[in-house]
């Protein structure tokens, strides 16, 4: 599954226009929120906490039209808490979004 970092920029530009400062601020806020949810996934020890963090990540991704990240969050919700494969893929997806 590929991650389109341009999709985040396009979603932000559609929401606020071409105000590059505001886009940059919203991008940082999105990445901080997504990173926080992935961190919560990494620390979850029960199904309820794991699923809640996955669903929050999916909702956040949906707010910005990031369908690949939404699908990965769905995959996480269905996985066992602490699944290292899912966590690695989530970290890679956020890194791709962060370096665009």
PDB file of N, CA and C in Angstrom:
ATOM      1  N   UNK A   1       0.846  -1.160   0.000  1.00  0.00           N
ATOM      2  CA  UNK A   1       0.000   0.000   0.000  1.00  0.00           C
ATOM      3  C   UNK A   1       0.897   1.230   0.000  1.00  0.00           C
ATOM      4  N   UNK A   2       0.627   2.161  -0.893  1.00  0.00           N
ATOM      5  CA  UNK A   2       1.449   3.360  -0.950  1.00  0.00           C
ATOM      6  C   UNK A   2       0.748   4.506  -0.227  1.00  0.00           C
ATOM      7  N   UNK A   3       1.543   5.406   0.252  1.00  0.00           N
ATOM      8  CA  UNK A   3       1.021   6.560   0.978  1.00  0.00           C
ATOM      9  C   UNK A   3       1.301   7.791   0.149  1.00  0.00           C
ATOM     10  N   UNK A   4       0.264   8.561  -0.098  1.00  0.00           N
ATOM     11  CA  UNK A   4       0.372   9.743  -0.935  1.00  0.00           C
ATOM     12  C   UNK A   4       0.451  10.976  -0.053  1.00  0.00           C
ATOM     13  N   UNK A   5       1.682  11.426   0.223  1.00  0.00           N
ATOM     14  CA  UNK A   5       1.822  12.615   1.067  1.00  0.00           C
ATOM     15  C   UNK A   5       1.165  13.843   0.463  1.00  0.00           C
ATOM     16  N   UNK A   6       1.016  13.860  -0.859  1.00  0.00           N
ATOM     17  CA  UNK A   6       0.365  14.986  -1.514  1.00  0.00           C
ATOM     18  C   UNK A   6      -1.113  15.084  -1.174  1.00  0.00           C
ATOM     19  N   UNK A   7      -1.700  13.969  -0.786  1.00  0.00           N
ATOM     20  CA  UNK A   7      -3.121  13.976  -0.430  1.00  0.00           C
ATOM     21  C   UNK A   7      -3.367  14.836   0.804  1.00  0.00           C
ATOM     22  N   UNK A   8      -2.452  14.795   1.752  1.00  0.00           N
ATOM     23  CA  UNK A   8      -2.598  15.622   2.951  1.00  0.00           C
ATOM     24  C   UNK A   8      -2.541  17.096   2.571  1.00  0.00           C
ATOM     25  N   UNK A   9      -1.581  17.470   1.755  1.00  0.00           N
ATOM     26  CA  UNK A   9      -1.471  18.870   1.331  1.00  0.00           C
ATOM     27  C   UNK A   9      -2.727  19.295   0.560  1.00  0.00           C
ATOM     28  N   UNK A  10      -3.207  18.434  -0.322  1.00  0.00           N
ATOM     29  CA  UNK A  10      -4.394  18.752  -1.110  1.00  0.00           C
ATOM     30  C   UNK A  10      -5.616  18.943  -0.214  1.00  0.00           C
ATOM     31  N   UNK A  11      -5.758  18.079   0.790  1.00  0.00           N
ATOM     32  CA  UNK A  11      -6.899  18.203   1.705  1.00  0.00           C
ATOM     33  C   UNK A  11      -6.809  19.496   2.501  1.00  0.00           C
ATOM     34  N   UNK A  12      -5.621  19.827   2.953  1.00  0.00           N
ATOM     35  CA  UNK A  12      -5.447  21.061   3.718  1.00  0.00           C
ATOM     36  C   UNK A  12      -5.682  22.286   2.837  1.00  0.00           C
ATOM     37  N   UNK A  13      -5.155  22.264   1.623  1.00  0.00           N
ATOM     38  CA  UNK A  13      -5.348  23.394   0.707  1.00  0.00           C
ATOM     39  C   UNK A  13      -6.830  23.567   0.363  1.00  0.00           C
ATOM     40  N   UNK A  14      -7.549  22.458   0.209  1.00  0.00           N
ATOM     41  CA  UNK A  14      -8.980  22.543  -0.094  1.00  0.00           C
ATOM     42  C   UNK A  14      -9.743  23.151   1.071  1.00  0.00           C
ATOM     43  N   UNK A  15      -9.274  22.889   2.282  1.00  0.00           N
ATOM     44  CA  UNK A  15      -9.970  23.394   3.469  1.00  0.00           C
ATOM     45  C   UNK A  15      -9.665  24.860   3.747  1.00  0.00           C
ATOM     46  N   UNK A  16      -8.432  25.287   3.517  1.00  0.00           N
ATOM     47  CA  UNK A  16      -8.038  26.634   3.933  1.00  0.00           C
ATOM     48  C   UNK A  16      -7.494  27.498   2.809  1.00  0.00           C
ATOM     49  N   UNK A  17      -7.499  26.999   1.588  1.00  0.00           N
ATOM     50  CA  UNK A  17      -6.946  27.773   0.482  1.00  0.00           C
ATOM     51  C   UNK A  17      -5.444  27.580   0.405  1.00  0.00           C
ATOM     52  N   UNK A  18      -4.787  28.520  -0.173  1.00  0.00           N
ATOM     53  CA  UNK A  18      -3.342  28.405  -0.388  1.00  0.00           C
ATOM     54  C   UNK A  18      -2.518  29.175   0.644  1.00  0.00           C
ATOM     55  N   UNK A  19      -3.042  29.329   1.826  1.00  0.00           N
ATOM     56  CA  UNK A  19      -2.308  29.982   2.914  1.00  0.00           C
ATOM     57  C   UNK A  19      -1.252  29.007   3.431  1.00  0.00           C
ATOM     58  N   UNK A  20      -0.032  29.150   2.941  1.00  0.00           N
ATOM     59  CA  UNK A  20       1.024  28.179   3.247  1.00  0.00           C
ATOM     60  C   UNK A  20       1.357  28.107   4.734  1.00  0.00           C
ATOM     61  N   UNK A  21       1.252  29.206   5.438  1.00  0.00           N
ATOM     62  CA  UNK A  21       1.533  29.194   6.884  1.00  0.00           C
ATOM     63  C   UNK A  21       0.476  28.380   7.628  1.00  0.00           C
ATOM     64  N   UNK A  22      -0.778  28.578   7.276  1.00  0.00           N
ATOM     65  CA  UNK A  22      -1.860  27.842   7.921  1.00  0.00           C
ATOM     66  C   UNK A  22      -1.787  26.355   7.560  1.00  0.00           C
ATOM     67  N   UNK A  23      -1.488  26.058   6.305  1.00  0.00           N
ATOM     68  CA  UNK A  23      -1.325  24.662   5.884  1.00  0.00           C
ATOM     69  C   UNK A  23      -0.211  24.002   6.696  1.00  0.00           C
ATOM     70  N   UNK A  24       0.894  24.694   6.870  1.00  0.00           N
ATOM     71  CA  UNK A  24       2.021  24.139   7.636  1.00  0.00           C
ATOM     72  C   UNK A  24       1.617  23.888   9.092  1.00  0.00           C
ATOM     73  N   UNK A  25       0.899  24.831   9.681  1.00  0.00           N
ATOM     74  CA  UNK A  25       0.452  24.662  11.076  1.00  0.00           C
ATOM     75  C   UNK A  25      -0.509  23.482  11.214  1.00  0.00           C
ATOM     76  N   UNK A  26      -1.459  23.369  10.285  1.00  0.00           N
ATOM     77  CA  UNK A  26      -2.415  22.263  10.331  1.00  0.00           C
ATOM     78  C   UNK A  26      -1.737  20.920  10.080  1.00  0.00           C
ATOM     79  N   UNK A  27      -0.740  20.919   9.217  1.00  0.00           N
ATOM     80  CA  UNK A  27       0.020  19.700   8.938  1.00  0.00           C
ATOM     81  C   UNK A  27       0.717  19.212  10.212  1.00  0.00           C
ATOM     82  N   UNK A  28       1.342  20.146  10.927  1.00  0.00           N
ATOM     83  CA  UNK A  28       2.011  19.804  12.184  1.00  0.00           C
ATOM     84  C   UNK A  28       0.991  19.263  13.187  1.00  0.00           C
ATOM     85  N   UNK A  29      -0.150  19.913  13.294  1.00  0.00           N
ATOM     86  CA  UNK A  29      -1.188  19.464  14.230  1.00  0.00           C
ATOM     87  C   UNK A  29      -1.680  18.061  13.859  1.00  0.00           C
ATOM     88  N   UNK A  30      -1.893  17.814  12.562  1.00  0.00           N
ATOM     89  CA  UNK A  30      -2.318  16.490  12.131  1.00  0.00           C
ATOM     90  C   UNK A  30      -1.274  15.447  12.503  1.00  0.00           C
ATOM     91  N   UNK A  31      -0.028  15.704  12.162  1.00  0.00           N
ATOM     92  CA  UNK A  31       1.026  14.725  12.430  1.00  0.00           C
ATOM     93  C   UNK A  31       1.211  14.482  13.926  1.00  0.00           C
ATOM     94  N   UNK A  32       1.084  15.521  14.734  1.00  0.00           N
ATOM     95  CA  UNK A  32       1.180  15.344  16.188  1.00  0.00           C
ATOM     96  C   UNK A  32       0.037  14.463  16.696  1.00  0.00           C
ATOM     97  N   UNK A  33      -1.164  14.701  16.208  1.00  0.00           N
ATOM     98  CA  UNK A  33      -2.315  13.906  16.637  1.00  0.00           C
ATOM     99  C   UNK A  33      -2.180  12.459  16.185  1.00  0.00           C
ATOM    100  N   UNK A  34      -1.786  12.254  14.942  1.00  0.00           N
ATOM    101  CA  UNK A  34      -1.621  10.897  14.424  1.00  0.00           C
ATOM    102  C   UNK A  34      -0.507  10.170  15.172  1.00  0.00           C
ATOM    103  N   UNK A  35       0.590  10.861  15.433  1.00  0.00           N
ATOM    104  CA  UNK A  35       1.700  10.261  16.174  1.00  0.00           C
ATOM    105  C   UNK A  35       1.263   9.885  17.579  1.00  0.00           C
ATOM    106  N   UNK A  36       0.440  10.717  18.196  1.00  0.00           N
ATOM    107  CA  UNK A  36      -0.061  10.431  19.537  1.00  0.00           C
ATOM    108  C   UNK A  36      -0.900   9.149  19.537  1.00  0.00           C
ATOM    109  N   UNK A  37      -1.728   8.969  18.514  1.00  0.00           N
ATOM    110  CA  UNK A  37      -2.556   7.761  18.438  1.00  0.00           C
ATOM    111  C   UNK A  37      -1.694   6.517  18.193  1.00  0.00           C
ATOM    112  N   UNK A  38      -0.680   6.631  17.360  1.00  0.00           N
ATOM    113  CA  UNK A  38       0.212   5.495  17.123  1.00  0.00           C
ATOM    114  C   UNK A  38       0.993   5.177  18.398  1.00  0.00           C
ATOM    115  N   UNK A  39       1.382   6.206  19.141  1.00  0.00           N
ATOM    116  CA  UNK A  39       2.051   5.978  20.423  1.00  0.00           C
ATOM    117  C   UNK A  39       1.115   5.242  21.391  1.00  0.00           C
ATOM    118  N   UNK A  40      -0.149   5.648  21.425  1.00  0.00           N
ATOM    119  CA  UNK A  40      -1.123   4.959  22.280  1.00  0.00           C
ATOM    120  C   UNK A  40      -1.309   3.510  21.848  1.00  0.00           C
ATOM    121  N   UNK A  41      -1.289   3.264  20.550  1.00  0.00           N
ATOM    122  CA  UNK A  41      -1.355   1.887  20.064  1.00  0.00           C
ATOM    123  C   UNK A  41      -0.157   1.088  20.584  1.00  0.00           C
ATOM    124  N   UNK A  42       1.007   1.699  20.528  1.00  0.00           N
ATOM    125  CA  UNK A  42       2.219   1.023  20.976  1.00  0.00           C
ATOM    126  C   UNK A  42       2.212   0.702  22.461  1.00  0.00           C
ATOM    127  N   UNK A  43       1.470   1.479  23.232  1.00  0.00           N
ATOM    128  CA  UNK A  43       1.418   1.258  24.678  1.00  0.00           C
ATOM    129  C   UNK A  43       0.190   0.470  25.127  1.00  0.00           C
ATOM    130  N   UNK A  44      -0.737   0.223  24.207  1.00  0.00           N
ATOM    131  CA  UNK A  44      -1.975  -0.478  24.559  1.00  0.00           C
ATOM    132  C   UNK A  44      -1.677  -1.924  24.947  1.00  0.00           C
ATOM    133  N   UNK A  45      -2.302  -2.364  26.016  1.00  0.00           N
ATOM    134  CA  UNK A  45      -2.124  -3.738  26.484  1.00  0.00           C
ATOM    135  C   UNK A  45      -3.430  -4.520  26.492  1.00  0.00           C
ATOM    136  N   UNK A  46      -4.510  -3.856  26.130  1.00  0.00           N
ATOM    137  CA  UNK A  46      -5.795  -4.556  26.077  1.00  0.00           C
ATOM    138  C   UNK A  46      -6.499  -4.197  24.768  1.00  0.00           C
ATOM    139  N   UNK A  47      -7.437  -5.050  24.379  1.00  0.00           N
ATOM    140  CA  UNK A  47      -8.162  -4.842  23.133  1.00  0.00           C
ATOM    141  C   UNK A  47      -8.867  -3.491  23.084  1.00  0.00           C
ATOM    142  N   UNK A  48      -9.487  -3.095  24.187  1.00  0.00           N
ATOM    143  CA  UNK A  48     -10.273  -1.855  24.196  1.00  0.00           C
ATOM    144  C   UNK A  48      -9.399  -0.634  23.906  1.00  0.00           C
ATOM    145  N   UNK A  49      -8.261  -0.533  24.569  1.00  0.00           N
ATOM    146  CA  UNK A  49      -7.376   0.619  24.343  1.00  0.00           C
ATOM    147  C   UNK A  49      -6.787   0.595  22.938  1.00  0.00           C
ATOM    148  N   UNK A  50      -6.425  -0.591  22.482  1.00  0.00           N
ATOM    149  CA  UNK A  50      -5.865  -0.753  21.138  1.00  0.00           C
ATOM    150  C   UNK A  50      -6.899  -0.319  20.085  1.00  0.00           C
ATOM    151  N   UNK A  51      -8.119  -0.822  20.198  1.00  0.00           N
ATOM    152  CA  UNK A  51      -9.157  -0.489  19.221  1.00  0.00           C
ATOM    153  C   UNK A  51      -9.520   0.991  19.265  1.00  0.00           C
ATOM    154  N   UNK A  52      -9.595   1.559  20.445  1.00  0.00           N
ATOM    155  CA  UNK A  52      -9.929   2.979  20.565  1.00  0.00           C
ATOM    156  C   UNK A  52      -8.896   3.846  19.853  1.00  0.00           C
ATOM    157  N   UNK A  53      -7.624   3.569  20.069  1.00  0.00           N
ATOM    158  CA  UNK A  53      -6.569   4.343  19.403  1.00  0.00           C
ATOM    159  C   UNK A  53      -6.617   4.140  17.890  1.00  0.00           C
ATOM    160  N   UNK A  54      -6.881   2.913  17.447  1.00  0.00           N
ATOM    161  CA  UNK A  54      -6.974   2.646  16.008  1.00  0.00           C
ATOM    162  C   UNK A  54      -8.151   3.406  15.397  1.00  0.00           C
ATOM    163  N   UNK A  55      -9.284   3.388  16.076  1.00  0.00           N
ATOM    164  CA  UNK A  55     -10.462   4.093  15.559  1.00  0.00           C
ATOM    165  C   UNK A  55     -10.252   5.606  15.546  1.00  0.00           C
ATOM    166  N   UNK A  56      -9.588   6.123  16.540  1.00  0.00           N
ATOM    167  CA  UNK A  56      -9.287   7.568  16.542  1.00  0.00           C
ATOM    168  C   UNK A  56      -8.358   7.929  15.388  1.00  0.00           C
ATOM    169  N   UNK A  57      -7.376   7.069  15.152  1.00  0.00           N
ATOM    170  CA  UNK A  57      -6.463   7.304  14.030  1.00  0.00           C
ATOM    171  C   UNK A  57      -7.235   7.253  12.717  1.00  0.00           C
ATOM    172  N   UNK A  58      -8.137   6.296  12.585  1.00  0.00           N
ATOM    173  CA  UNK A  58      -8.934   6.197  11.363  1.00  0.00           C
ATOM    174  C   UNK A  58      -9.784   7.452  11.176  1.00  0.00           C
ATOM    175  N   UNK A  59     -10.408   7.926  12.232  1.00  0.00           N
ATOM    176  CA  UNK A  59     -11.215   9.142  12.140  1.00  0.00           C
ATOM    177  C   UNK A  59     -10.393  10.352  11.747  1.00  0.00           C
ATOM    178  N   UNK A  60      -9.213  10.453  12.319  1.00  0.00           N
ATOM    179  CA  UNK A  60      -8.322  11.561  11.977  1.00  0.00           C
ATOM    180  C   UNK A  60      -7.922  11.485  10.506  1.00  0.00           C
ATOM    181  N   UNK A  61      -7.553  10.290  10.049  1.00  0.00           N
ATOM    182  CA  UNK A  61      -7.183  10.104   8.646  1.00  0.00           C
ATOM    183  C   UNK A  61      -8.362  10.415   7.730  1.00  0.00           C
ATOM    184  N   UNK A  62      -9.556  10.013   8.133  1.00  0.00           N
ATOM    185  CA  UNK A  62     -10.752  10.268   7.327  1.00  0.00           C
ATOM    186  C   UNK A  62     -11.023  11.763   7.205  1.00  0.00           C
ATOM    187  N   UNK A  63     -10.731  12.512   8.250  1.00  0.00           N
ATOM    188  CA  UNK A  63     -10.950  13.962   8.222  1.00  0.00           C
ATOM    189  C   UNK A  63     -10.137  14.636   7.123  1.00  0.00           C
ATOM    190  N   UNK A  64      -9.036  13.993   6.725  1.00  0.00           N
ATOM    191  CA  UNK A  64      -8.157  14.564   5.720  1.00  0.00           C
ATOM    192  C   UNK A  64      -8.151  13.752   4.426  1.00  0.00           C
ATOM    193  N   UNK A  65      -9.047  12.778   4.326  1.00  0.00           N
ATOM    194  CA  UNK A  65      -9.155  11.992   3.104  1.00  0.00           C
ATOM    195  C   UNK A  65      -7.973  11.082   2.834  1.00  0.00           C
ATOM    196  N   UNK A  66      -7.279  10.672   3.869  1.00  0.00           N
ATOM    197  CA  UNK A  66      -6.101   9.807   3.708  1.00  0.00           C
ATOM    198  C   UNK A  66      -6.542   8.345   3.764  1.00  0.00           C
ATOM    199  N   UNK A  67      -7.022   7.863   2.629  1.00  0.00           N
ATOM    200  CA  UNK A  67      -7.630   6.541   2.584  1.00  0.00           C
ATOM    201  C   UNK A  67      -6.639   5.421   2.892  1.00  0.00           C
ATOM    202  N   UNK A  68      -5.400   5.544   2.485  1.00  0.00           N
ATOM    203  CA  UNK A  68      -4.413   4.500   2.777  1.00  0.00           C
ATOM    204  C   UNK A  68      -4.178   4.396   4.285  1.00  0.00           C
ATOM    205  N   UNK A  69      -4.105   5.526   4.966  1.00  0.00           N
ATOM    206  CA  UNK A  69      -3.926   5.518   6.412  1.00  0.00           C
ATOM    207  C   UNK A  69      -5.187   5.007   7.109  1.00  0.00           C
ATOM    208  N   UNK A  70      -6.357   5.320   6.554  1.00  0.00           N
ATOM    209  CA  UNK A  70      -7.604   4.783   7.101  1.00  0.00           C
ATOM    210  C   UNK A  70      -7.603   3.256   7.024  1.00  0.00           C
ATOM    211  N   UNK A  71      -7.181   2.720   5.886  1.00  0.00           N
ATOM    212  CA  UNK A  71      -7.142   1.266   5.713  1.00  0.00           C
ATOM    213  C   UNK A  71      -6.161   0.629   6.689  1.00  0.00           C
ATOM    214  N   UNK A  72      -5.039   1.280   6.904  1.00  0.00           N
ATOM    215  CA  UNK A  72      -4.057   0.755   7.847  1.00  0.00           C
ATOM    216  C   UNK A  72      -4.583   0.820   9.279  1.00  0.00           C
ATOM    217  N   UNK A  73      -5.334   1.856   9.599  1.00  0.00           N
ATOM    218  CA  UNK A  73      -5.954   1.947  10.921  1.00  0.00           C
ATOM    219  C   UNK A  73      -7.000   0.844  11.100  1.00  0.00           C
ATOM    220  N   UNK A  74      -7.734   0.537  10.045  1.00  0.00           N
ATOM    221  CA  UNK A  74      -8.676  -0.589  10.089  1.00  0.00           C
ATOM    222  C   UNK A  74      -7.935  -1.899  10.347  1.00  0.00           C
ATOM    223  N   UNK A  75      -6.823  -2.062   9.658  1.00  0.00           N
ATOM    224  CA  UNK A  75      -6.004  -3.261   9.850  1.00  0.00           C
ATOM    225  C   UNK A  75      -5.523  -3.345  11.294  1.00  0.00           C
ATOM    226  N   UNK A  76      -5.129  -2.214  11.843  1.00  0.00           N
ATOM    227  CA  UNK A  76      -4.685  -2.191  13.238  1.00  0.00           C
ATOM    228  C   UNK A  76      -5.818  -2.584  14.173  1.00  0.00           C
ATOM    229  N   UNK A  77      -7.008  -2.046  13.934  1.00  0.00           N
ATOM    230  CA  UNK A  77      -8.148  -2.347  14.814  1.00  0.00           C
ATOM    231  C   UNK A  77      -8.445  -3.846  14.845  1.00  0.00           C
ATOM    232  N   UNK A  78      -8.198  -4.519  13.737  1.00  0.00           N
ATOM    233  CA  UNK A  78      -8.466  -5.952  13.652  1.00  0.00           C
ATOM    234  C   UNK A  78      -7.313  -6.804  14.181  1.00  0.00           C
ATOM    235  N   UNK A  79      -6.156  -6.194  14.392  1.00  0.00           N
ATOM    236  CA  UNK A  79      -4.971  -6.936  14.841  1.00  0.00           C
ATOM    237  C   UNK A  79      -4.952  -7.054  16.362  1.00  0.00           C
ATOM    238  N   UNK A  80      -4.061  -7.879  16.837  1.00  0.00           N
ATOM    239  CA  UNK A  80      -3.885  -8.043  18.282  1.00  0.00           C
ATOM    240  C   UNK A  80      -3.146  -6.830  18.849  1.00  0.00           C
ATOM    241  N   UNK A  81      -3.465  -6.434  20.074  1.00  0.00           N
ATOM    242  CA  UNK A  81      -2.745  -5.316  20.696  1.00  0.00           C
ATOM    243  C   UNK A  81      -1.236  -5.542  20.661  1.00  0.00           C
ATOM    244  N   UNK A  82      -0.530  -4.494  20.246  1.00  0.00           N
ATOM    245  CA  UNK A  82       0.928  -4.545  20.215  1.00  0.00           C
ATOM    246  C   UNK A  82       1.512  -5.207  18.985  1.00  0.00           C
ATOM    247  N   UNK A  83       0.697  -5.518  17.987  1.00  0.00           N
ATOM    248  CA  UNK A  83       1.192  -6.186  16.782  1.00  0.00           C
ATOM    249  C   UNK A  83       2.347  -5.378  16.180  1.00  0.00           C
ATOM    250  N   UNK A  84       3.572  -5.907  16.217  1.00  0.00           N
ATOM    251  CA  UNK A  84       4.728  -5.130  15.761  1.00  0.00           C
ATOM    252  C   UNK A  84       4.714  -4.837  14.264  1.00  0.00           C
ATOM    253  N   UNK A  85       4.130  -5.721  13.467  1.00  0.00           N
ATOM    254  CA  UNK A  85       4.065  -5.495  12.027  1.00  0.00           C
ATOM    255  C   UNK A  85       3.193  -4.278  11.717  1.00  0.00           C
ATOM    256  N   UNK A  86       2.044  -4.200  12.358  1.00  0.00           N
ATOM    257  CA  UNK A  86       1.132  -3.071  12.147  1.00  0.00           C
ATOM    258  C   UNK A  86       1.781  -1.778  12.643  1.00  0.00           C
ATOM    259  N   UNK A  87       2.417  -1.840  13.789  1.00  0.00           N
ATOM    260  CA  UNK A  87       3.064  -0.635  14.334  1.00  0.00           C
ATOM    261  C   UNK A  87       4.174  -0.145  13.413  1.00  0.00           C
ATOM    262  N   UNK A  88       4.971  -1.056  12.859  1.00  0.00           N
ATOM    263  CA  UNK A  88       6.026  -0.648  11.918  1.00  0.00           C
ATOM    264  C   UNK A  88       5.438   0.030  10.696  1.00  0.00           C
ATOM    265  N   UNK A  89       4.347  -0.532  10.176  1.00  0.00           N
ATOM    266  CA  UNK A  89       3.717   0.049   8.989  1.00  0.00           C
ATOM    267  C   UNK A  89       3.125   1.421   9.295  1.00  0.00           C
ATOM    268  N   UNK A  90       2.562   1.587  10.480  1.00  0.00           N
ATOM    269  CA  UNK A  90       2.015   2.890  10.862  1.00  0.00           C
ATOM    270  C   UNK A  90       3.121   3.926  10.997  1.00  0.00           C
ATOM    271  N   UNK A  91       4.215   3.551  11.637  1.00  0.00           N
ATOM    272  CA  UNK A  91       5.348   4.475  11.773  1.00  0.00           C
ATOM    273  C   UNK A  91       5.891   4.864  10.397  1.00  0.00           C
ATOM    274  N   UNK A  92       5.975   3.904   9.484  1.00  0.00           N
ATOM    275  CA  UNK A  92       6.455   4.191   8.137  1.00  0.00           C
ATOM    276  C   UNK A  92       5.504   5.128   7.397  1.00  0.00           C
ATOM    277  N   UNK A  93       4.203   4.915   7.576  1.00  0.00           N
ATOM    278  CA  UNK A  93       3.222   5.777   6.909  1.00  0.00           C
ATOM    279  C   UNK A  93       3.319   7.204   7.413  1.00  0.00           C
ATOM    280  N   UNK A  94       3.467   7.370   8.727  1.00  0.00           N
ATOM    281  CA  UNK A  94       3.594   8.731   9.273  1.00  0.00           C
ATOM    282  C   UNK A  94       4.903   9.376   8.848  1.00  0.00           C
ATOM    283  N   UNK A  95       5.960   8.591   8.772  1.00  0.00           N
ATOM    284  CA  UNK A  95       7.243   9.136   8.319  1.00  0.00           C
ATOM    285  C   UNK A  95       7.123   9.621   6.865  1.00  0.00           C
ATOM    286  N   UNK A  96       6.408   8.864   6.023  1.00  0.00           N
ATOM    287  CA  UNK A  96       6.212   9.272   4.635  1.00  0.00           C
ATOM    288  C   UNK A  96       5.409  10.566   4.553  1.00  0.00           C
ATOM    289  N   UNK A  97       4.412  10.709   5.397  1.00  0.00           N
ATOM    290  CA  UNK A  97       3.608  11.932   5.420  1.00  0.00           C
ATOM    291  C   UNK A  97       4.413  13.115   5.951  1.00  0.00           C
ATOM    292  N   UNK A  98       5.288  12.833   6.896  1.00  0.00           N
ATOM    293  CA  UNK A  98       6.076  13.890   7.533  1.00  0.00           C
ATOM    294  C   UNK A  98       7.168  14.427   6.604  1.00  0.00           C
ATOM    295  N   UNK A  99       7.645  13.614   5.699  1.00  0.00           N
ATOM    296  CA  UNK A  99       8.767  14.014   4.852  1.00  0.00           C
ATOM    297  C   UNK A  99       8.343  14.382   3.448  1.00  0.00           C
ATOM    298  N   UNK A 100       7.160  14.884   3.318  1.00  0.00           N
ATOM    299  CA  UNK A 100       6.705  15.294   1.987  1.00  0.00           C
ATOM    300  C   UNK A 100       6.738  16.792   1.850  1.00  0.00           C
TER     301      UNK A 100
END
